[in-house]
Amino acid sequence: MSRPTLNVALRSSNGKGANRRLRSEGTIPGVLYGKGKETVSVQADPKAVVDILHGTYGKNTVIDLAVEGESGSRLAIIKDYQVHPWKRRVQHIDLWEISPEQKLTMTVPFRRVNRAEGERMGAKVRITRDDVVVSADANHVPAAIEFDMTALGTTDANVTISKVPMPEGVEAVFKHDYSLVQYTMPRVQAEEKVDPKAAKKGKK
């Protein structure tokens, strides 16, 4: 996956008053932290943050974080963010520094792709969840988990999380094997039709 770059500057002042001034000047306050690392106060361009949140990977986007005064970049994700209750503007971000091999647990969208053979016969499909929890490192974060409906035939099926193939480097995270797709054939198609003549012969 290609990674966007987010530029952040260090800030020395904290508190509500200082944060309001930053927002009035067109930037948003934030913090950068990581396991075993000192928390750093930063500020960023709100438009760049919104572009990341509205991108393909959303909040799960792995970012090349360019910190003011540092020669290289850091890997990070937006761990949390706050939005103004009625202006709907991003007010604050929490950035979490990660390592390339670190396993991340995240919620990603779940969706079906293609059509099953039975759908042409009137099969009903019910998607029971819109998202799933998965684990992956920074190089294998999925935009979504997709299930190919062509794997289903013309019999009823209940597709649980354990039956959904995961992309390379991705593992499903669950305690109980929950349902994702309920696939039901029409009863007319599912029930075997009985030949009346054959039925009479069987009674003799």
C-alpha atoms as a PDB file:
ATOM      1  CA  MET A   1       0.000   0.000   0.000  1.00  0.00           C
ATOM      2  CA  SER A   2       1.237   3.509  -0.789  1.00  0.00           C
ATOM      3  CA  ARG A   3       1.465   5.825   2.190  1.00  0.00           C
ATOM      4  CA  PRO A   4       0.512   9.503   2.395  1.00  0.00           C
ATOM      5  CA  THR A   5       2.853  11.941   4.110  1.00  0.00           C
ATOM      6  CA  LEU A   6       1.638  14.152   6.933  1.00  0.00           C
ATOM      7  CA  ASN A   7       3.805  17.086   7.984  1.00  0.00           C
ATOM      8  CA  VAL A   8       3.617  18.098  11.628  1.00  0.00           C
ATOM      9  CA  ALA A   9       5.344  20.891  13.528  1.00  0.00           C
ATOM     10  CA  LEU A  10       6.304  20.791  17.176  1.00  0.00           C
ATOM     11  CA  ARG A  11       4.412  23.036  19.601  1.00  0.00           C
ATOM     12  CA  SER A  12       5.558  24.223  22.989  1.00  0.00           C
ATOM     13  CA  SER A  13       2.290  25.667  24.320  1.00  0.00           C
ATOM     14  CA  ASN A  14      -0.618  23.570  25.590  1.00  0.00           C
ATOM     15  CA  GLY A  15      -4.008  24.203  27.125  1.00  0.00           C
ATOM     16  CA  LYS A  16      -7.403  25.306  25.814  1.00  0.00           C
ATOM     17  CA  GLY A  17      -6.349  28.877  25.113  1.00  0.00           C
ATOM     18  CA  ALA A  18      -3.263  27.846  23.131  1.00  0.00           C
ATOM     19  CA  ASN A  19      -5.264  25.256  21.208  1.00  0.00           C
ATOM     20  CA  ARG A  20      -7.929  27.810  20.283  1.00  0.00           C
ATOM     21  CA  ARG A  21      -5.233  30.115  18.937  1.00  0.00           C
ATOM     22  CA  LEU A  22      -3.811  27.322  16.818  1.00  0.00           C
ATOM     23  CA  ARG A  23      -7.221  26.566  15.320  1.00  0.00           C
ATOM     24  CA  SER A  24      -7.846  30.249  14.586  1.00  0.00           C
ATOM     25  CA  GLU A  25      -4.510  30.298  12.765  1.00  0.00           C
ATOM     26  CA  GLY A  26      -5.560  27.370  10.563  1.00  0.00           C
ATOM     27  CA  THR A  27      -3.831  24.425  12.258  1.00  0.00           C
ATOM     28  CA  ILE A  28      -5.003  21.770  14.702  1.00  0.00           C
ATOM     29  CA  PRO A  29      -3.248  20.550  17.859  1.00  0.00           C
ATOM     30  CA  GLY A  30      -2.305  16.953  18.397  1.00  0.00           C
ATOM     31  CA  VAL A  31      -0.059  14.572  20.279  1.00  0.00           C
ATOM     32  CA  LEU A  32       2.357  11.930  19.022  1.00  0.00           C
ATOM     33  CA  TYR A  33       3.081   8.938  21.214  1.00  0.00           C
ATOM     34  CA  GLY A  34       4.314   5.365  20.951  1.00  0.00           C
ATOM     35  CA  LYS A  35       5.317   2.431  23.080  1.00  0.00           C
ATOM     36  CA  GLY A  36       8.403   3.364  25.086  1.00  0.00           C
ATOM     37  CA  LYS A  37       8.532   6.826  23.495  1.00  0.00           C
ATOM     38  CA  GLU A  38       8.046  10.264  24.974  1.00  0.00           C
ATOM     39  CA  THR A  39       4.764  11.980  24.107  1.00  0.00           C
ATOM     40  CA  VAL A  40       5.304  14.973  21.827  1.00  0.00           C
ATOM     41  CA  SER A  41       2.901  17.888  21.267  1.00  0.00           C
ATOM     42  CA  VAL A  42       2.440  18.644  17.563  1.00  0.00           C
ATOM     43  CA  GLN A  43       0.285  20.643  15.185  1.00  0.00           C
ATOM     44  CA  ALA A  44      -0.905  19.792  11.682  1.00  0.00           C
ATOM     45  CA  ASP A  45      -2.812  21.089   8.671  1.00  0.00           C
ATOM     46  CA  PRO A  46      -6.477  20.113   9.184  1.00  0.00           C
ATOM     47  CA  LYS A  47      -7.085  19.674   5.436  1.00  0.00           C
ATOM     48  CA  ALA A  48      -4.256  17.126   5.202  1.00  0.00           C
ATOM     49  CA  VAL A  49      -5.711  15.219   8.148  1.00  0.00           C
ATOM     50  CA  VAL A  50      -9.220  15.224   6.636  1.00  0.00           C
ATOM     51  CA  ASP A  51      -7.831  13.991   3.294  1.00  0.00           C
ATOM     52  CA  ILE A  52      -6.288  11.024   5.105  1.00  0.00           C
ATOM     53  CA  LEU A  53      -9.474  10.245   7.046  1.00  0.00           C
ATOM     54  CA  HIS A  54     -11.525  10.397   3.831  1.00  0.00           C
ATOM     55  CA  GLY A  55      -9.036   8.282   1.888  1.00  0.00           C
ATOM     56  CA  THR A  56      -9.261   4.612   0.911  1.00  0.00           C
ATOM     57  CA  TYR A  57      -8.039   3.318   4.269  1.00  0.00           C
ATOM     58  CA  GLY A  58      -9.688   5.953   6.463  1.00  0.00           C
ATOM     59  CA  LYS A  59      -8.583   5.945  10.084  1.00  0.00           C
ATOM     60  CA  ASN A  60      -6.514   2.814   9.407  1.00  0.00           C
ATOM     61  CA  THR A  61      -4.194   4.667   7.028  1.00  0.00           C
ATOM     62  CA  VAL A  62      -0.514   4.142   7.767  1.00  0.00           C
ATOM     63  CA  ILE A  63       1.202   7.526   7.469  1.00  0.00           C
ATOM     64  CA  ASP A  64       4.745   8.637   6.742  1.00  0.00           C
ATOM     65  CA  LEU A  65       4.946  11.278   9.443  1.00  0.00           C
ATOM     66  CA  ALA A  66       7.399  14.086   8.747  1.00  0.00           C
ATOM     67  CA  VAL A  67       8.188  15.784  12.052  1.00  0.00           C
ATOM     68  CA  GLU A  68       9.646  19.288  11.867  1.00  0.00           C
ATOM     69  CA  GLY A  69      13.404  19.252  12.467  1.00  0.00           C
ATOM     70  CA  GLU A  70      13.849  15.511  11.830  1.00  0.00           C
ATOM     71  CA  SER A  71      15.746  14.221   8.805  1.00  0.00           C
ATOM     72  CA  GLY A  72      13.708  11.034   8.339  1.00  0.00           C
ATOM     73  CA  SER A  73      10.037  10.158   8.686  1.00  0.00           C
ATOM     74  CA  ARG A  74       8.200   8.048  11.239  1.00  0.00           C
ATOM     75  CA  LEU A  75       5.430   5.509  10.704  1.00  0.00           C
ATOM     76  CA  ALA A  76       2.176   6.413  12.427  1.00  0.00           C
ATOM     77  CA  ILE A  77      -1.588   6.059  12.316  1.00  0.00           C
ATOM     78  CA  ILE A  78      -4.346   8.385  13.535  1.00  0.00           C
ATOM     79  CA  LYS A  79      -5.310   6.592  16.728  1.00  0.00           C
ATOM     80  CA  ASP A  80      -8.084   9.031  17.605  1.00  0.00           C
ATOM     81  CA  TYR A  81      -9.468  12.422  16.640  1.00  0.00           C
ATOM     82  CA  GLN A  82     -12.020  14.899  17.923  1.00  0.00           C
ATOM     83  CA  VAL A  83     -14.588  16.737  15.825  1.00  0.00           C
ATOM     84  CA  HIS A  84     -16.434  19.948  16.723  1.00  0.00           C
ATOM     85  CA  PRO A  85     -20.041  18.993  17.660  1.00  0.00           C
ATOM     86  CA  TRP A  86     -21.782  21.255  15.121  1.00  0.00           C
ATOM     87  CA  LYS A  87     -19.071  22.766  12.929  1.00  0.00           C
ATOM     88  CA  ARG A  88     -17.931  19.209  12.126  1.00  0.00           C
ATOM     89  CA  ARG A  89     -14.302  20.286  11.919  1.00  0.00           C
ATOM     90  CA  VAL A  90     -11.417  18.195  13.214  1.00  0.00           C
ATOM     91  CA  GLN A  91     -10.312  19.742  16.500  1.00  0.00           C
ATOM     92  CA  HIS A  92      -7.536  17.467  17.718  1.00  0.00           C
ATOM     93  CA  ILE A  93      -5.644  14.339  16.649  1.00  0.00           C
ATOM     94  CA  ASP A  94      -3.809  11.575  18.493  1.00  0.00           C
ATOM     95  CA  LEU A  95      -1.007  10.080  16.413  1.00  0.00           C
ATOM     96  CA  TRP A  96       0.399   6.689  17.350  1.00  0.00           C
ATOM     97  CA  GLU A  97       3.922   5.881  16.206  1.00  0.00           C
ATOM     98  CA  ILE A  98       4.327   2.266  15.079  1.00  0.00           C
ATOM     99  CA  SER A  99       7.036  -0.008  13.688  1.00  0.00           C
ATOM    100  CA  PRO A 100       6.831  -1.713  10.245  1.00  0.00           C
ATOM    101  CA  GLU A 101       6.501  -5.204  11.727  1.00  0.00           C
ATOM    102  CA  GLN A 102       4.094  -4.238  14.522  1.00  0.00           C
ATOM    103  CA  LYS A 103       0.753  -6.055  14.406  1.00  0.00           C
ATOM    104  CA  LEU A 104      -2.190  -3.663  14.374  1.00  0.00           C
ATOM    105  CA  THR A 105      -5.725  -4.632  15.350  1.00  0.00           C
ATOM    106  CA  MET A 106      -8.300  -2.608  13.428  1.00  0.00           C
ATOM    107  CA  THR A 107     -11.909  -2.553  12.272  1.00  0.00           C
ATOM    108  CA  VAL A 108     -12.333  -2.557   8.485  1.00  0.00           C
ATOM    109  CA  PRO A 109     -15.404  -2.604   6.199  1.00  0.00           C
ATOM    110  CA  PHE A 110     -16.845  -5.939   5.067  1.00  0.00           C
ATOM    111  CA  ARG A 111     -18.527  -6.251   1.698  1.00  0.00           C
ATOM    112  CA  ARG A 112     -19.630  -8.847  -0.823  1.00  0.00           C
ATOM    113  CA  VAL A 113     -18.420  -8.909  -4.431  1.00  0.00           C
ATOM    114  CA  ASN A 114     -19.839 -10.626  -7.536  1.00  0.00           C
ATOM    115  CA  ARG A 115     -22.997 -12.745  -7.555  1.00  0.00           C
ATOM    116  CA  ALA A 116     -23.653 -16.325  -6.548  1.00  0.00           C
ATOM    117  CA  GLU A 117     -25.194 -18.746  -9.048  1.00  0.00           C
ATOM    118  CA  GLY A 118     -28.286 -19.110  -6.878  1.00  0.00           C
ATOM    119  CA  GLU A 119     -29.020 -15.382  -6.952  1.00  0.00           C
ATOM    120  CA  ARG A 120     -30.218 -15.757 -10.542  1.00  0.00           C
ATOM    121  CA  MET A 121     -32.787 -18.218  -9.184  1.00  0.00           C
ATOM    122  CA  GLY A 122     -33.994 -15.792  -6.551  1.00  0.00           C
ATOM    123  CA  ALA A 123     -31.722 -16.628  -3.622  1.00  0.00           C
ATOM    124  CA  LYS A 124     -31.863 -14.121  -0.797  1.00  0.00           C
ATOM    125  CA  VAL A 125     -28.644 -12.653   0.595  1.00  0.00           C
ATOM    126  CA  ARG A 126     -28.449 -11.018   3.993  1.00  0.00           C
ATOM    127  CA  ILE A 127     -25.247  -9.299   5.108  1.00  0.00           C
ATOM    128  CA  THR A 128     -25.320  -9.419   8.896  1.00  0.00           C
ATOM    129  CA  ARG A 129     -22.327  -7.162   9.623  1.00  0.00           C
ATOM    130  CA  ASP A 130     -20.814  -4.145   7.897  1.00  0.00           C
ATOM    131  CA  ASP A 131     -17.322  -4.515   9.350  1.00  0.00           C
ATOM    132  CA  VAL A 132     -14.886  -7.012  10.823  1.00  0.00           C
ATOM    133  CA  VAL A 133     -11.877  -6.864  13.132  1.00  0.00           C
ATOM    134  CA  VAL A 134      -8.551  -7.948  11.675  1.00  0.00           C
ATOM    135  CA  SER A 135      -4.853  -7.939  12.540  1.00  0.00           C
ATOM    136  CA  ALA A 136      -2.093  -6.940  10.110  1.00  0.00           C
ATOM    137  CA  ASP A 137       1.258  -5.188  10.033  1.00  0.00           C
ATOM    138  CA  ALA A 138       1.818  -1.763   8.489  1.00  0.00           C
ATOM    139  CA  ASN A 139       2.504  -3.202   5.013  1.00  0.00           C
ATOM    140  CA  HIS A 140      -0.624  -5.359   4.827  1.00  0.00           C
ATOM    141  CA  VAL A 141      -3.434  -3.151   6.151  1.00  0.00           C
ATOM    142  CA  PRO A 142      -6.544  -3.942   4.044  1.00  0.00           C
ATOM    143  CA  ALA A 143      -8.922  -1.271   2.802  1.00  0.00           C
ATOM    144  CA  ALA A 144     -11.750  -3.795   3.286  1.00  0.00           C
ATOM    145  CA  ILE A 145     -12.421  -7.505   3.582  1.00  0.00           C
ATOM    146  CA  GLU A 146     -14.333  -8.848   0.582  1.00  0.00           C
ATOM    147  CA  PHE A 147     -16.176 -12.122   0.131  1.00  0.00           C
ATOM    148  CA  ASP A 148     -16.561 -13.498  -3.402  1.00  0.00           C
ATOM    149  CA  MET A 149     -20.155 -14.670  -3.710  1.00  0.00           C
ATOM    150  CA  THR A 150     -19.300 -16.961  -6.638  1.00  0.00           C
ATOM    151  CA  ALA A 151     -17.952 -19.392  -4.013  1.00  0.00           C
ATOM    152  CA  LEU A 152     -21.579 -20.195  -3.126  1.00  0.00           C
ATOM    153  CA  GLY A 153     -23.691 -22.606  -5.174  1.00  0.00           C
ATOM    154  CA  THR A 154     -27.418 -23.329  -5.149  1.00  0.00           C
ATOM    155  CA  THR A 155     -27.879 -24.524  -1.585  1.00  0.00           C
ATOM    156  CA  ASP A 156     -28.456 -22.558   1.610  1.00  0.00           C
ATOM    157  CA  ALA A 157     -25.310 -21.321   3.296  1.00  0.00           C
ATOM    158  CA  ASN A 158     -24.237 -19.425   6.378  1.00  0.00           C
ATOM    159  CA  VAL A 159     -20.849 -17.782   5.827  1.00  0.00           C
ATOM    160  CA  THR A 160     -19.061 -17.186   9.115  1.00  0.00           C
ATOM    161  CA  ILE A 161     -15.905 -15.161   9.698  1.00  0.00           C
ATOM    162  CA  SER A 162     -13.766 -18.316   9.777  1.00  0.00           C
ATOM    163  CA  LYS A 163     -14.913 -19.174   6.218  1.00  0.00           C
ATOM    164  CA  VAL A 164     -13.963 -15.809   4.704  1.00  0.00           C
ATOM    165  CA  PRO A 165     -10.550 -15.927   2.959  1.00  0.00           C
ATOM    166  CA  MET A 166      -8.240 -13.208   4.267  1.00  0.00           C
ATOM    167  CA  PRO A 167      -5.740 -11.261   2.129  1.00  0.00           C
ATOM    168  CA  GLU A 168      -2.050 -12.029   2.485  1.00  0.00           C
ATOM    169  CA  GLY A 169      -0.677 -10.919   5.849  1.00  0.00           C
ATOM    170  CA  VAL A 170      -4.135 -10.409   7.377  1.00  0.00           C
ATOM    171  CA  GLU A 171      -5.776 -12.452  10.144  1.00  0.00           C
ATOM    172  CA  ALA A 172      -9.369 -12.259  11.369  1.00  0.00           C
ATOM    173  CA  VAL A 173      -9.744 -11.485  15.073  1.00  0.00           C
ATOM    174  CA  PHE A 174     -12.725 -13.080  16.836  1.00  0.00           C
ATOM    175  CA  LYS A 175     -13.702 -15.037  19.940  1.00  0.00           C
ATOM    176  CA  HIS A 176     -16.858 -16.587  18.506  1.00  0.00           C
ATOM    177  CA  ASP A 177     -17.312 -17.657  14.884  1.00  0.00           C
ATOM    178  CA  TYR A 178     -20.022 -15.142  13.979  1.00  0.00           C
ATOM    179  CA  SER A 179     -22.143 -15.011  10.820  1.00  0.00           C
ATOM    180  CA  LEU A 180     -21.439 -12.513   8.029  1.00  0.00           C
ATOM    181  CA  VAL A 181     -23.527 -13.707   5.077  1.00  0.00           C
ATOM    182  CA  GLN A 182     -26.806 -15.620   5.224  1.00  0.00           C
ATOM    183  CA  TYR A 183     -27.649 -17.143   1.858  1.00  0.00           C
ATOM    184  CA  THR A 184     -31.084 -18.727   1.375  1.00  0.00           C
ATOM    185  CA  MET A 185     -32.418 -20.389  -1.751  1.00  0.00           C
ATOM    186  CA  PRO A 186     -36.127 -20.093  -2.631  1.00  0.00           C
ATOM    187  CA  ARG A 187     -38.070 -23.036  -1.256  1.00  0.00           C
ATOM    188  CA  VAL A 188     -39.489 -23.835  -4.741  1.00  0.00           C
ATOM    189  CA  GLN A 189     -35.947 -24.252  -6.069  1.00  0.00           C
ATOM    190  CA  ALA A 190     -34.530 -25.907  -2.974  1.00  0.00           C
ATOM    191  CA  GLU A 191     -37.180 -28.636  -2.614  1.00  0.00           C
ATOM    192  CA  GLU A 192     -36.917 -31.582  -4.984  1.00  0.00           C
ATOM    193  CA  LYS A 193     -39.906 -31.788  -7.326  1.00  0.00           C
ATOM    194  CA  VAL A 194     -41.725 -35.130  -7.140  1.00  0.00           C
ATOM    195  CA  ASP A 195     -42.886 -36.801 -10.366  1.00  0.00           C
ATOM    196  CA  PRO A 196     -46.555 -37.843  -9.813  1.00  0.00           C
ATOM    197  CA  LYS A 197     -46.147 -40.984 -12.014  1.00  0.00           C
ATOM    198  CA  ALA A 198     -43.070 -42.058 -10.063  1.00  0.00           C
ATOM    199  CA  ALA A 199     -44.958 -41.545  -6.806  1.00  0.00           C
ATOM    200  CA  LYS A 200     -47.817 -43.852  -7.962  1.00  0.00           C
ATOM    201  CA  LYS A 201     -45.362 -46.585  -9.002  1.00  0.00           C
ATOM    202  CA  GLY A 202     -43.742 -46.378  -5.596  1.00  0.00           C
ATOM    203  CA  LYS A 203     -47.049 -47.155  -3.855  1.00  0.00           C
ATOM    204  CA  LYS A 204     -47.615 -50.428  -5.749  1.00  0.00           C
END
